[in-house]
Amino acid sequence: MVGILSVQLGAAIAKGLFGEISPTAMVWLRLVTSALVLAAVARPRFTGRTQRDWLVVLGFGASLATMNWAIYQSFSRIPLGIAVTIEFIGPLSLALLGSRRARDLVWVLLAAIGVALLGFQRTGLDLVGVAYALLAGAAWAAYILLSASTGRRWAGFDGLAVASIIAAAAMTLPALLSAGTSLWDGRVLLIGALVGLLSSVIPYSCELVALRSLRPAVFGILMSLEPAAAALAAIVVLQEHLSPVQWLAIGCVVAASIGATRSGSAPGEHPGHRGEEHSATPGTLAT
């Protein structure tokens, strides 16, 4: 729970800074912080890798960069809780596609009801922001699939560290172009580093501890609370209040995620969490 709240608190703090720095530059600061910490901890081995190893980790890094960039673009246009709820459709769909039980159509229907309710309440809801959240969800699903391949080819945190370095490098030029001189403001750099710690380092540590005592299925159910946690963090930090119908929509998606996780795939089949973990380490939505 601390890890979940930390991720969403980091997102809310990042959004609060968008008036001073672009979402793209904030993503870059978060990724750089994450890459530096992971590289220092993992000290990944770069030699002796096959071409296939590099292709997999490049795809992993690309999905990581796309997912973070798209969800931050979405945050800048629509409420945080709604953006995370829409993004959750990606891994939820992956979990449901991996199921062969007809009764899981109930979870599909429940998730669809949640999305429909958000559409019904779309007054003031930027459709571009919705599109970015959907892109983030698709990238999250790709990330989950690629994390499994990366975990098989790169030991421990090595693959995640290398993917984070690749993602940070890919975002460097767009960040510099979008931020200009504001990127080098000491306060912005400090808050960017804080966001990286809240959104990456603290969740990694908490999840590693949690996974030592929690079954993957239980862990996945707890991760399903993220949309609600995002909405609560937005209320506290940003004063973003949602309507009752929007809360109902979030509840539908959370319930669908819990249901899909309880009756979904076998452990290890669809690993992955908030966008910074891989199969050998923290995070499972659909296990």
C-alpha atoms as a PDB file:
ATOM      1  CA  MET A   1       0.000   0.000   0.000  1.00  0.00           C
ATOM      2  CA  VAL A   2       2.874   2.364   0.721  1.00  0.00           C
ATOM      3  CA  GLY A   3       4.285   1.618  -2.723  1.00  0.00           C
ATOM      4  CA  ILE A   4       0.926   2.302  -4.400  1.00  0.00           C
ATOM      5  CA  LEU A   5       0.455   5.584  -2.547  1.00  0.00           C
ATOM      6  CA  SER A   6       4.044   6.600  -3.284  1.00  0.00           C
ATOM      7  CA  VAL A   7       3.599   6.116  -7.041  1.00  0.00           C
ATOM      8  CA  GLN A   8       0.433   8.185  -7.155  1.00  0.00           C
ATOM      9  CA  LEU A   9       1.785  10.866  -4.821  1.00  0.00           C
ATOM     10  CA  GLY A  10       4.765  11.210  -7.144  1.00  0.00           C
ATOM     11  CA  ALA A  11       2.411  11.584 -10.113  1.00  0.00           C
ATOM     12  CA  ALA A  12       0.351  14.236  -8.329  1.00  0.00           C
ATOM     13  CA  ILE A  13       3.457  16.220  -7.373  1.00  0.00           C
ATOM     14  CA  ALA A  14       4.705  15.991 -10.958  1.00  0.00           C
ATOM     15  CA  LYS A  15       1.414  17.292 -12.314  1.00  0.00           C
ATOM     16  CA  GLY A  16       1.529  20.194  -9.883  1.00  0.00           C
ATOM     17  CA  LEU A  17       4.793  21.290 -11.495  1.00  0.00           C
ATOM     18  CA  PHE A  18       3.531  21.254 -15.085  1.00  0.00           C
ATOM     19  CA  GLY A  19       3.049  25.025 -14.965  1.00  0.00           C
ATOM     20  CA  GLU A  20       6.820  25.395 -14.595  1.00  0.00           C
ATOM     21  CA  ILE A  21       8.114  22.515 -16.693  1.00  0.00           C
ATOM     22  CA  SER A  22       6.689  20.455 -19.532  1.00  0.00           C
ATOM     23  CA  PRO A  23       5.356  16.935 -18.908  1.00  0.00           C
ATOM     24  CA  THR A  24       8.025  15.586 -21.283  1.00  0.00           C
ATOM     25  CA  ALA A  25      10.823  17.165 -19.259  1.00  0.00           C
ATOM     26  CA  MET A  26       9.321  15.886 -16.001  1.00  0.00           C
ATOM     27  CA  VAL A  27       9.190  12.361 -17.431  1.00  0.00           C
ATOM     28  CA  TRP A  28      12.855  12.696 -18.359  1.00  0.00           C
ATOM     29  CA  LEU A  29      13.811  13.782 -14.830  1.00  0.00           C
ATOM     30  CA  ARG A  30      11.895  10.833 -13.395  1.00  0.00           C
ATOM     31  CA  LEU A  31      13.518   8.370 -15.793  1.00  0.00           C
ATOM     32  CA  VAL A  32      17.010   9.758 -15.211  1.00  0.00           C
ATOM     33  CA  THR A  33      16.604   9.442 -11.445  1.00  0.00           C
ATOM     34  CA  SER A  34      15.318   5.891 -11.812  1.00  0.00           C
ATOM     35  CA  ALA A  35      18.094   4.940 -14.249  1.00  0.00           C
ATOM     36  CA  LEU A  36      20.833   6.313 -11.996  1.00  0.00           C
ATOM     37  CA  VAL A  37      19.558   4.504  -8.922  1.00  0.00           C
ATOM     38  CA  LEU A  38      18.951   1.219 -10.735  1.00  0.00           C
ATOM     39  CA  ALA A  39      22.332   1.333 -12.485  1.00  0.00           C
ATOM     40  CA  ALA A  40      24.064   1.954  -9.163  1.00  0.00           C
ATOM     41  CA  VAL A  41      22.208  -0.925  -7.492  1.00  0.00           C
ATOM     42  CA  ALA A  42      22.260  -3.473 -10.334  1.00  0.00           C
ATOM     43  CA  ARG A  43      25.574  -2.638 -12.007  1.00  0.00           C
ATOM     44  CA  PRO A  44      24.357  -4.411 -15.147  1.00  0.00           C
ATOM     45  CA  ARG A  45      26.727  -6.465 -17.280  1.00  0.00           C
ATOM     46  CA  PHE A  46      26.802  -5.225 -20.881  1.00  0.00           C
ATOM     47  CA  THR A  47      29.311  -7.653 -22.383  1.00  0.00           C
ATOM     48  CA  GLY A  48      28.509 -11.105 -23.697  1.00  0.00           C
ATOM     49  CA  ARG A  49      24.985 -10.165 -24.767  1.00  0.00           C
ATOM     50  CA  THR A  50      23.389 -11.527 -27.920  1.00  0.00           C
ATOM     51  CA  GLN A  51      21.678  -9.426 -30.552  1.00  0.00           C
ATOM     52  CA  ARG A  52      18.354 -10.849 -29.382  1.00  0.00           C
ATOM     53  CA  ASP A  53      19.102  -9.753 -25.810  1.00  0.00           C
ATOM     54  CA  TRP A  54      19.611  -6.180 -26.995  1.00  0.00           C
ATOM     55  CA  LEU A  55      16.542  -6.170 -29.234  1.00  0.00           C
ATOM     56  CA  VAL A  56      14.350  -7.310 -26.340  1.00  0.00           C
ATOM     57  CA  VAL A  57      15.728  -4.744 -23.886  1.00  0.00           C
ATOM     58  CA  LEU A  58      15.472  -1.981 -26.530  1.00  0.00           C
ATOM     59  CA  GLY A  59      11.794  -2.809 -26.966  1.00  0.00           C
ATOM     60  CA  PHE A  60      11.404  -2.898 -23.202  1.00  0.00           C
ATOM     61  CA  GLY A  61      12.996   0.541 -22.900  1.00  0.00           C
ATOM     62  CA  ALA A  62      10.845   1.924 -25.723  1.00  0.00           C
ATOM     63  CA  SER A  63       7.654   0.710 -24.051  1.00  0.00           C
ATOM     64  CA  LEU A  64       8.812   2.190 -20.735  1.00  0.00           C
ATOM     65  CA  ALA A  65       9.501   5.588 -22.337  1.00  0.00           C
ATOM     66  CA  THR A  66       6.220   5.591 -24.277  1.00  0.00           C
ATOM     67  CA  MET A  67       4.153   4.579 -21.264  1.00  0.00           C
ATOM     68  CA  ASN A  68       5.579   7.258 -18.975  1.00  0.00           C
ATOM     69  CA  TRP A  69       5.517   9.983 -21.627  1.00  0.00           C
ATOM     70  CA  ALA A  70       1.928   9.226 -22.658  1.00  0.00           C
ATOM     71  CA  ILE A  71       0.506   9.071 -19.131  1.00  0.00           C
ATOM     72  CA  TYR A  72       2.187  12.360 -18.177  1.00  0.00           C
ATOM     73  CA  GLN A  73       0.745  13.958 -21.311  1.00  0.00           C
ATOM     74  CA  SER A  74      -2.627  12.621 -20.198  1.00  0.00           C
ATOM     75  CA  PHE A  75      -2.161  13.963 -16.636  1.00  0.00           C
ATOM     76  CA  SER A  76      -1.622  17.430 -18.067  1.00  0.00           C
ATOM     77  CA  ARG A  77      -5.047  17.360 -19.755  1.00  0.00           C
ATOM     78  CA  ILE A  78      -7.435  15.309 -17.613  1.00  0.00           C
ATOM     79  CA  PRO A  79      -7.798  14.480 -13.884  1.00  0.00           C
ATOM     80  CA  LEU A  80      -5.177  12.133 -12.494  1.00  0.00           C
ATOM     81  CA  GLY A  81      -7.622   9.498 -11.231  1.00  0.00           C
ATOM     82  CA  ILE A  82      -9.435   9.317 -14.565  1.00  0.00           C
ATOM     83  CA  ALA A  83      -6.166   9.071 -16.517  1.00  0.00           C
ATOM     84  CA  VAL A  84      -4.936   6.150 -14.394  1.00  0.00           C
ATOM     85  CA  THR A  85      -8.334   4.444 -14.640  1.00  0.00           C
ATOM     86  CA  ILE A  86      -8.257   4.615 -18.449  1.00  0.00           C
ATOM     87  CA  GLU A  87      -4.597   3.528 -18.515  1.00  0.00           C
ATOM     88  CA  PHE A  88      -5.496   0.478 -16.424  1.00  0.00           C
ATOM     89  CA  ILE A  89      -7.556  -0.830 -19.349  1.00  0.00           C
ATOM     90  CA  GLY A  90      -4.283  -1.927 -21.017  1.00  0.00           C
ATOM     91  CA  PRO A  91      -3.057  -4.472 -18.453  1.00  0.00           C
ATOM     92  CA  LEU A  92      -6.634  -5.395 -17.561  1.00  0.00           C
ATOM     93  CA  SER A  93      -7.302  -6.303 -21.195  1.00  0.00           C
ATOM     94  CA  LEU A  94      -4.106  -8.352 -21.250  1.00  0.00           C
ATOM     95  CA  ALA A  95      -5.209 -10.266 -18.159  1.00  0.00           C
ATOM     96  CA  LEU A  96      -8.636 -10.958 -19.623  1.00  0.00           C
ATOM     97  CA  LEU A  97      -7.233 -12.018 -23.009  1.00  0.00           C
ATOM     98  CA  GLY A  98      -5.075 -14.554 -21.177  1.00  0.00           C
ATOM     99  CA  SER A  99      -8.144 -16.084 -19.559  1.00  0.00           C
ATOM    100  CA  ARG A 100     -10.151 -18.917 -21.101  1.00  0.00           C
ATOM    101  CA  ARG A 101     -13.109 -18.737 -18.739  1.00  0.00           C
ATOM    102  CA  ALA A 102     -16.430 -17.558 -20.080  1.00  0.00           C
ATOM    103  CA  ARG A 103     -17.349 -16.047 -16.728  1.00  0.00           C
ATOM    104  CA  ASP A 104     -14.524 -13.526 -17.141  1.00  0.00           C
ATOM    105  CA  LEU A 105     -16.742 -11.786 -19.685  1.00  0.00           C
ATOM    106  CA  VAL A 106     -18.407 -10.330 -16.589  1.00  0.00           C
ATOM    107  CA  TRP A 107     -15.182  -8.430 -15.839  1.00  0.00           C
ATOM    108  CA  VAL A 108     -14.986  -7.232 -19.438  1.00  0.00           C
ATOM    109  CA  LEU A 109     -18.537  -5.939 -19.156  1.00  0.00           C
ATOM    110  CA  LEU A 110     -17.841  -4.271 -15.802  1.00  0.00           C
ATOM    111  CA  ALA A 111     -14.737  -2.516 -17.174  1.00  0.00           C
ATOM    112  CA  ALA A 112     -16.715  -1.434 -20.238  1.00  0.00           C
ATOM    113  CA  ILE A 113     -19.400   0.037 -17.971  1.00  0.00           C
ATOM    114  CA  GLY A 114     -16.706   2.016 -16.149  1.00  0.00           C
ATOM    115  CA  VAL A 115     -15.325   3.411 -19.397  1.00  0.00           C
ATOM    116  CA  ALA A 116     -18.825   4.192 -20.645  1.00  0.00           C
ATOM    117  CA  LEU A 117     -19.565   6.098 -17.437  1.00  0.00           C
ATOM    118  CA  LEU A 118     -16.434   8.174 -17.949  1.00  0.00           C
ATOM    119  CA  GLY A 119     -17.603   8.903 -21.487  1.00  0.00           C
ATOM    120  CA  PHE A 120     -21.027   9.857 -20.185  1.00  0.00           C
ATOM    121  CA  GLN A 121     -19.359  12.334 -17.832  1.00  0.00           C
ATOM    122  CA  ARG A 122     -17.019  13.704 -20.470  1.00  0.00           C
ATOM    123  CA  THR A 123     -18.037  17.351 -19.983  1.00  0.00           C
ATOM    124  CA  GLY A 124     -14.718  19.179 -19.794  1.00  0.00           C
ATOM    125  CA  LEU A 125     -12.815  15.926 -20.412  1.00  0.00           C
ATOM    126  CA  ASP A 126     -10.126  16.517 -23.035  1.00  0.00           C
ATOM    127  CA  LEU A 127     -10.344  13.778 -25.675  1.00  0.00           C
ATOM    128  CA  VAL A 128      -6.639  14.185 -26.466  1.00  0.00           C
ATOM    129  CA  GLY A 129      -5.916  13.434 -22.808  1.00  0.00           C
ATOM    130  CA  VAL A 130      -8.104  10.344 -23.032  1.00  0.00           C
ATOM    131  CA  ALA A 131      -6.222   9.236 -26.165  1.00  0.00           C
ATOM    132  CA  TYR A 132      -2.891   9.642 -24.377  1.00  0.00           C
ATOM    133  CA  ALA A 133      -4.171   7.543 -21.455  1.00  0.00           C
ATOM    134  CA  LEU A 134      -5.216   4.803 -23.882  1.00  0.00           C
ATOM    135  CA  LEU A 135      -1.774   4.943 -25.511  1.00  0.00           C
ATOM    136  CA  ALA A 136      -0.191   4.638 -22.072  1.00  0.00           C
ATOM    137  CA  GLY A 137      -2.378   1.605 -21.377  1.00  0.00           C
ATOM    138  CA  ALA A 138      -1.342  -0.041 -24.646  1.00  0.00           C
ATOM    139  CA  ALA A 139       2.316   0.674 -23.873  1.00  0.00           C
ATOM    140  CA  TRP A 140       1.799  -0.762 -20.373  1.00  0.00           C
ATOM    141  CA  ALA A 141       0.451  -3.993 -21.891  1.00  0.00           C
ATOM    142  CA  ALA A 142       3.458  -4.149 -24.253  1.00  0.00           C
ATOM    143  CA  TYR A 143       5.737  -3.460 -21.301  1.00  0.00           C
ATOM    144  CA  ILE A 144       4.250  -6.387 -19.369  1.00  0.00           C
ATOM    145  CA  LEU A 145       4.835  -8.784 -22.255  1.00  0.00           C
ATOM    146  CA  LEU A 146       8.365  -7.515 -22.912  1.00  0.00           C
ATOM    147  CA  SER A 147       9.221  -7.656 -19.216  1.00  0.00           C
ATOM    148  CA  ALA A 148       8.795 -11.424 -19.277  1.00  0.00           C
ATOM    149  CA  SER A 149      11.272 -11.782 -22.160  1.00  0.00           C
ATOM    150  CA  THR A 150      13.672  -9.362 -20.521  1.00  0.00           C
ATOM    151  CA  GLY A 151      13.503 -11.210 -17.211  1.00  0.00           C
ATOM    152  CA  ARG A 152      14.460 -14.447 -18.965  1.00  0.00           C
ATOM    153  CA  ARG A 153      17.468 -12.869 -20.702  1.00  0.00           C
ATOM    154  CA  TRP A 154      18.752 -10.369 -18.131  1.00  0.00           C
ATOM    155  CA  ALA A 155      19.309 -11.430 -14.516  1.00  0.00           C
ATOM    156  CA  GLY A 156      17.982  -9.523 -11.525  1.00  0.00           C
ATOM    157  CA  PHE A 157      17.585  -5.805 -12.070  1.00  0.00           C
ATOM    158  CA  ASP A 158      19.977  -5.762 -15.063  1.00  0.00           C
ATOM    159  CA  GLY A 159      17.300  -5.628 -17.750  1.00  0.00           C
ATOM    160  CA  LEU A 160      15.265  -3.006 -15.925  1.00  0.00           C
ATOM    161  CA  ALA A 161      18.358  -0.852 -15.322  1.00  0.00           C
ATOM    162  CA  VAL A 162      19.402  -1.019 -18.987  1.00  0.00           C
ATOM    163  CA  ALA A 163      15.825  -0.370 -20.172  1.00  0.00           C
ATOM    164  CA  SER A 164      15.622   2.672 -17.868  1.00  0.00           C
ATOM    165  CA  ILE A 165      18.874   4.012 -19.308  1.00  0.00           C
ATOM    166  CA  ILE A 166      17.521   3.501 -22.842  1.00  0.00           C
ATOM    167  CA  ALA A 167      14.224   5.195 -21.956  1.00  0.00           C
ATOM    168  CA  ALA A 168      16.003   8.174 -20.367  1.00  0.00           C
ATOM    169  CA  ALA A 169      18.310   8.512 -23.376  1.00  0.00           C
ATOM    170  CA  ALA A 170      15.348   8.392 -25.783  1.00  0.00           C
ATOM    171  CA  MET A 171      13.600  11.196 -23.896  1.00  0.00           C
ATOM    172  CA  THR A 172      16.651  13.461 -23.583  1.00  0.00           C
ATOM    173  CA  LEU A 173      16.300  15.460 -26.801  1.00  0.00           C
ATOM    174  CA  PRO A 174      12.497  15.921 -26.537  1.00  0.00           C
ATOM    175  CA  ALA A 175      12.952  17.029 -22.916  1.00  0.00           C
ATOM    176  CA  LEU A 176      15.624  19.570 -23.799  1.00  0.00           C
ATOM    177  CA  LEU A 177      13.555  20.956 -26.673  1.00  0.00           C
ATOM    178  CA  SER A 178      10.359  21.243 -24.630  1.00  0.00           C
ATOM    179  CA  ALA A 179      11.808  22.587 -21.387  1.00  0.00           C
ATOM    180  CA  GLY A 180      14.505  25.020 -22.461  1.00  0.00           C
ATOM    181  CA  THR A 181      16.366  26.691 -19.583  1.00  0.00           C
ATOM    182  CA  SER A 182      13.664  25.824 -17.027  1.00  0.00           C
ATOM    183  CA  LEU A 183      14.996  22.262 -16.958  1.00  0.00           C
ATOM    184  CA  TRP A 184      18.120  23.448 -15.148  1.00  0.00           C
ATOM    185  CA  ASP A 185      16.336  25.346 -12.401  1.00  0.00           C
ATOM    186  CA  GLY A 186      17.542  23.954  -9.070  1.00  0.00           C
ATOM    187  CA  ARG A 187      14.045  23.677  -7.613  1.00  0.00           C
ATOM    188  CA  VAL A 188      12.737  21.857 -10.692  1.00  0.00           C
ATOM    189  CA  LEU A 189      15.669  19.424 -10.619  1.00  0.00           C
ATOM    190  CA  LEU A 190      15.113  18.736  -6.929  1.00  0.00           C
ATOM    191  CA  ILE A 191      11.386  18.081  -7.341  1.00  0.00           C
ATOM    192  CA  GLY A 192      12.077  15.961 -10.430  1.00  0.00           C
ATOM    193  CA  ALA A 193      14.459  13.824  -8.391  1.00  0.00           C
ATOM    194  CA  LEU A 194      11.831  13.570  -5.630  1.00  0.00           C
ATOM    195  CA  VAL A 195       9.259  12.400  -8.179  1.00  0.00           C
ATOM    196  CA  GLY A 196      11.725   9.769  -9.390  1.00  0.00           C
ATOM    197  CA  LEU A 197      12.229   8.514  -5.849  1.00  0.00           C
ATOM    198  CA  LEU A 198       8.500   8.451  -5.075  1.00  0.00           C
ATOM    199  CA  SER A 199       7.518   6.886  -8.388  1.00  0.00           C
ATOM    200  CA  SER A 200      10.335   4.355  -8.699  1.00  0.00           C
ATOM    201  CA  VAL A 201      12.775   3.767  -5.863  1.00  0.00           C
ATOM    202  CA  ILE A 202      10.319   3.630  -2.939  1.00  0.00           C
ATOM    203  CA  PRO A 203       7.796   1.401  -4.785  1.00  0.00           C
ATOM    204  CA  TYR A 204      10.589  -1.014  -5.822  1.00  0.00           C
ATOM    205  CA  SER A 205      11.726  -1.381  -2.234  1.00  0.00           C
ATOM    206  CA  CYS A 206       8.219  -1.782  -0.804  1.00  0.00           C
ATOM    207  CA  GLU A 207       7.158  -4.289  -3.440  1.00  0.00           C
ATOM    208  CA  LEU A 208      10.258  -6.427  -3.032  1.00  0.00           C
ATOM    209  CA  VAL A 209       9.511  -6.680   0.691  1.00  0.00           C
ATOM    210  CA  ALA A 210       5.792  -7.320   0.076  1.00  0.00           C
ATOM    211  CA  LEU A 211       6.403 -10.083  -2.456  1.00  0.00           C
ATOM    212  CA  ARG A 212       8.388 -12.035   0.117  1.00  0.00           C
ATOM    213  CA  SER A 213       5.235 -12.649   2.147  1.00  0.00           C
ATOM    214  CA  LEU A 214       2.290 -12.061  -0.229  1.00  0.00           C
ATOM    215  CA  ARG A 215       1.088 -14.486  -2.861  1.00  0.00           C
ATOM    216  CA  PRO A 216       1.239 -13.000  -6.382  1.00  0.00           C
ATOM    217  CA  ALA A 217      -2.563 -13.149  -6.682  1.00  0.00           C
ATOM    218  CA  VAL A 218      -2.990 -11.119  -3.495  1.00  0.00           C
ATOM    219  CA  PHE A 219      -0.343  -8.675  -4.672  1.00  0.00           C
ATOM    220  CA  GLY A 220      -2.172  -8.277  -7.987  1.00  0.00           C
ATOM    221  CA  ILE A 221      -5.445  -7.548  -6.226  1.00  0.00           C
ATOM    222  CA  LEU A 222      -3.789  -4.830  -4.159  1.00  0.00           C
ATOM    223  CA  MET A 223      -2.290  -3.288  -7.307  1.00  0.00           C
ATOM    224  CA  SER A 224      -5.830  -3.022  -8.679  1.00  0.00           C
ATOM    225  CA  LEU A 225      -6.428  -0.248  -6.158  1.00  0.00           C
ATOM    226  CA  GLU A 226      -4.150   2.123  -8.079  1.00  0.00           C
ATOM    227  CA  PRO A 227      -6.892   4.099  -9.892  1.00  0.00           C
ATOM    228  CA  ALA A 228      -8.590   4.872  -6.579  1.00  0.00           C
ATOM    229  CA  ALA A 229      -5.234   5.763  -5.006  1.00  0.00           C
ATOM    230  CA  ALA A 230      -4.541   8.113  -7.912  1.00  0.00           C
ATOM    231  CA  ALA A 231      -7.881   9.855  -7.433  1.00  0.00           C
ATOM    232  CA  LEU A 232      -7.234  10.268  -3.690  1.00  0.00           C
ATOM    233  CA  ALA A 233      -3.712  11.638  -4.277  1.00  0.00           C
ATOM    234  CA  ALA A 234      -5.157  14.134  -6.771  1.00  0.00           C
ATOM    235  CA  ILE A 235      -7.697  15.324  -4.197  1.00  0.00           C
ATOM    236  CA  VAL A 236      -5.049  15.833  -1.503  1.00  0.00           C
ATOM    237  CA  VAL A 237      -2.289  17.380  -3.631  1.00  0.00           C
ATOM    238  CA  LEU A 238      -4.135  18.994  -6.543  1.00  0.00           C
ATOM    239  CA  GLN A 239      -7.675  19.510  -5.205  1.00  0.00           C
ATOM    240  CA  GLU A 240      -8.991  17.565  -8.203  1.00  0.00           C
ATOM    241  CA  HIS A 241     -12.442  16.465  -7.094  1.00  0.00           C
ATOM    242  CA  LEU A 242     -14.423  13.922  -9.116  1.00  0.00           C
ATOM    243  CA  SER A 243     -18.157  13.597  -9.551  1.00  0.00           C
ATOM    244  CA  PRO A 244     -20.067  10.652  -8.028  1.00  0.00           C
ATOM    245  CA  VAL A 245     -20.462   9.113 -11.492  1.00  0.00           C
ATOM    246  CA  GLN A 246     -16.704   9.335 -12.098  1.00  0.00           C
ATOM    247  CA  TRP A 247     -16.067   7.646  -8.748  1.00  0.00           C
ATOM    248  CA  LEU A 248     -18.516   4.925  -9.777  1.00  0.00           C
ATOM    249  CA  ALA A 249     -16.618   4.504 -13.060  1.00  0.00           C
ATOM    250  CA  ILE A 250     -13.322   4.114 -11.177  1.00  0.00           C
ATOM    251  CA  GLY A 251     -14.995   1.598  -8.862  1.00  0.00           C
ATOM    252  CA  CYS A 252     -16.163  -0.468 -11.842  1.00  0.00           C
ATOM    253  CA  VAL A 253     -12.655  -0.655 -13.307  1.00  0.00           C
ATOM    254  CA  VAL A 254     -11.117  -1.487  -9.910  1.00  0.00           C
ATOM    255  CA  ALA A 255     -13.695  -4.242  -9.351  1.00  0.00           C
ATOM    256  CA  ALA A 256     -13.066  -5.625 -12.845  1.00  0.00           C
ATOM    257  CA  SER A 257      -9.315  -5.640 -12.185  1.00  0.00           C
ATOM    258  CA  ILE A 258      -9.760  -7.454  -8.880  1.00  0.00           C
ATOM    259  CA  GLY A 259     -12.069  -9.998 -10.495  1.00  0.00           C
ATOM    260  CA  ALA A 260      -9.741 -10.591 -13.429  1.00  0.00           C
ATOM    261  CA  THR A 261      -6.767 -10.961 -11.095  1.00  0.00           C
ATOM    262  CA  ARG A 262      -8.541 -13.470  -8.848  1.00  0.00           C
ATOM    263  CA  SER A 263      -9.593 -15.693 -11.729  1.00  0.00           C
ATOM    264  CA  GLY A 264      -6.867 -14.829 -14.215  1.00  0.00           C
ATOM    265  CA  SER A 265      -3.643 -16.332 -15.451  1.00  0.00           C
ATOM    266  CA  ALA A 266      -1.090 -18.434 -13.682  1.00  0.00           C
ATOM    267  CA  PRO A 267       1.644 -16.719 -11.704  1.00  0.00           C
ATOM    268  CA  GLY A 268       4.366 -15.319 -13.922  1.00  0.00           C
ATOM    269  CA  GLU A 269       2.276 -15.316 -17.096  1.00  0.00           C
ATOM    270  CA  HIS A 270       1.649 -11.601 -17.243  1.00  0.00           C
ATOM    271  CA  PRO A 271       4.044  -9.788 -14.934  1.00  0.00           C
ATOM    272  CA  GLY A 272       4.385  -6.073 -14.610  1.00  0.00           C
ATOM    273  CA  HIS A 273       3.207  -3.164 -12.548  1.00  0.00           C
ATOM    274  CA  ARG A 274       3.270   0.593 -12.706  1.00  0.00           C
ATOM    275  CA  GLY A 275       5.739   0.876 -15.478  1.00  0.00           C
ATOM    276  CA  GLU A 276       9.082   0.448 -13.837  1.00  0.00           C
ATOM    277  CA  GLU A 277       9.210  -3.226 -12.872  1.00  0.00           C
ATOM    278  CA  HIS A 278       9.833  -6.474 -14.663  1.00  0.00           C
ATOM    279  CA  SER A 279       9.101 -10.120 -14.195  1.00  0.00           C
ATOM    280  CA  ALA A 280      12.095 -10.985 -12.054  1.00  0.00           C
ATOM    281  CA  THR A 281      11.380  -8.204  -9.589  1.00  0.00           C
ATOM    282  CA  PRO A 282       8.431  -6.193  -8.296  1.00  0.00           C
ATOM    283  CA  GLY A 283       5.012  -5.936  -9.757  1.00  0.00           C
ATOM    284  CA  THR A 284       2.280  -8.188 -11.047  1.00  0.00           C
ATOM    285  CA  LEU A 285      -1.061  -7.009 -12.213  1.00  0.00           C
ATOM    286  CA  ALA A 286      -2.319 -10.172 -13.857  1.00  0.00           C
ATOM    287  CA  THR A 287      -0.485 -12.888 -11.940  1.00  0.00           C
END
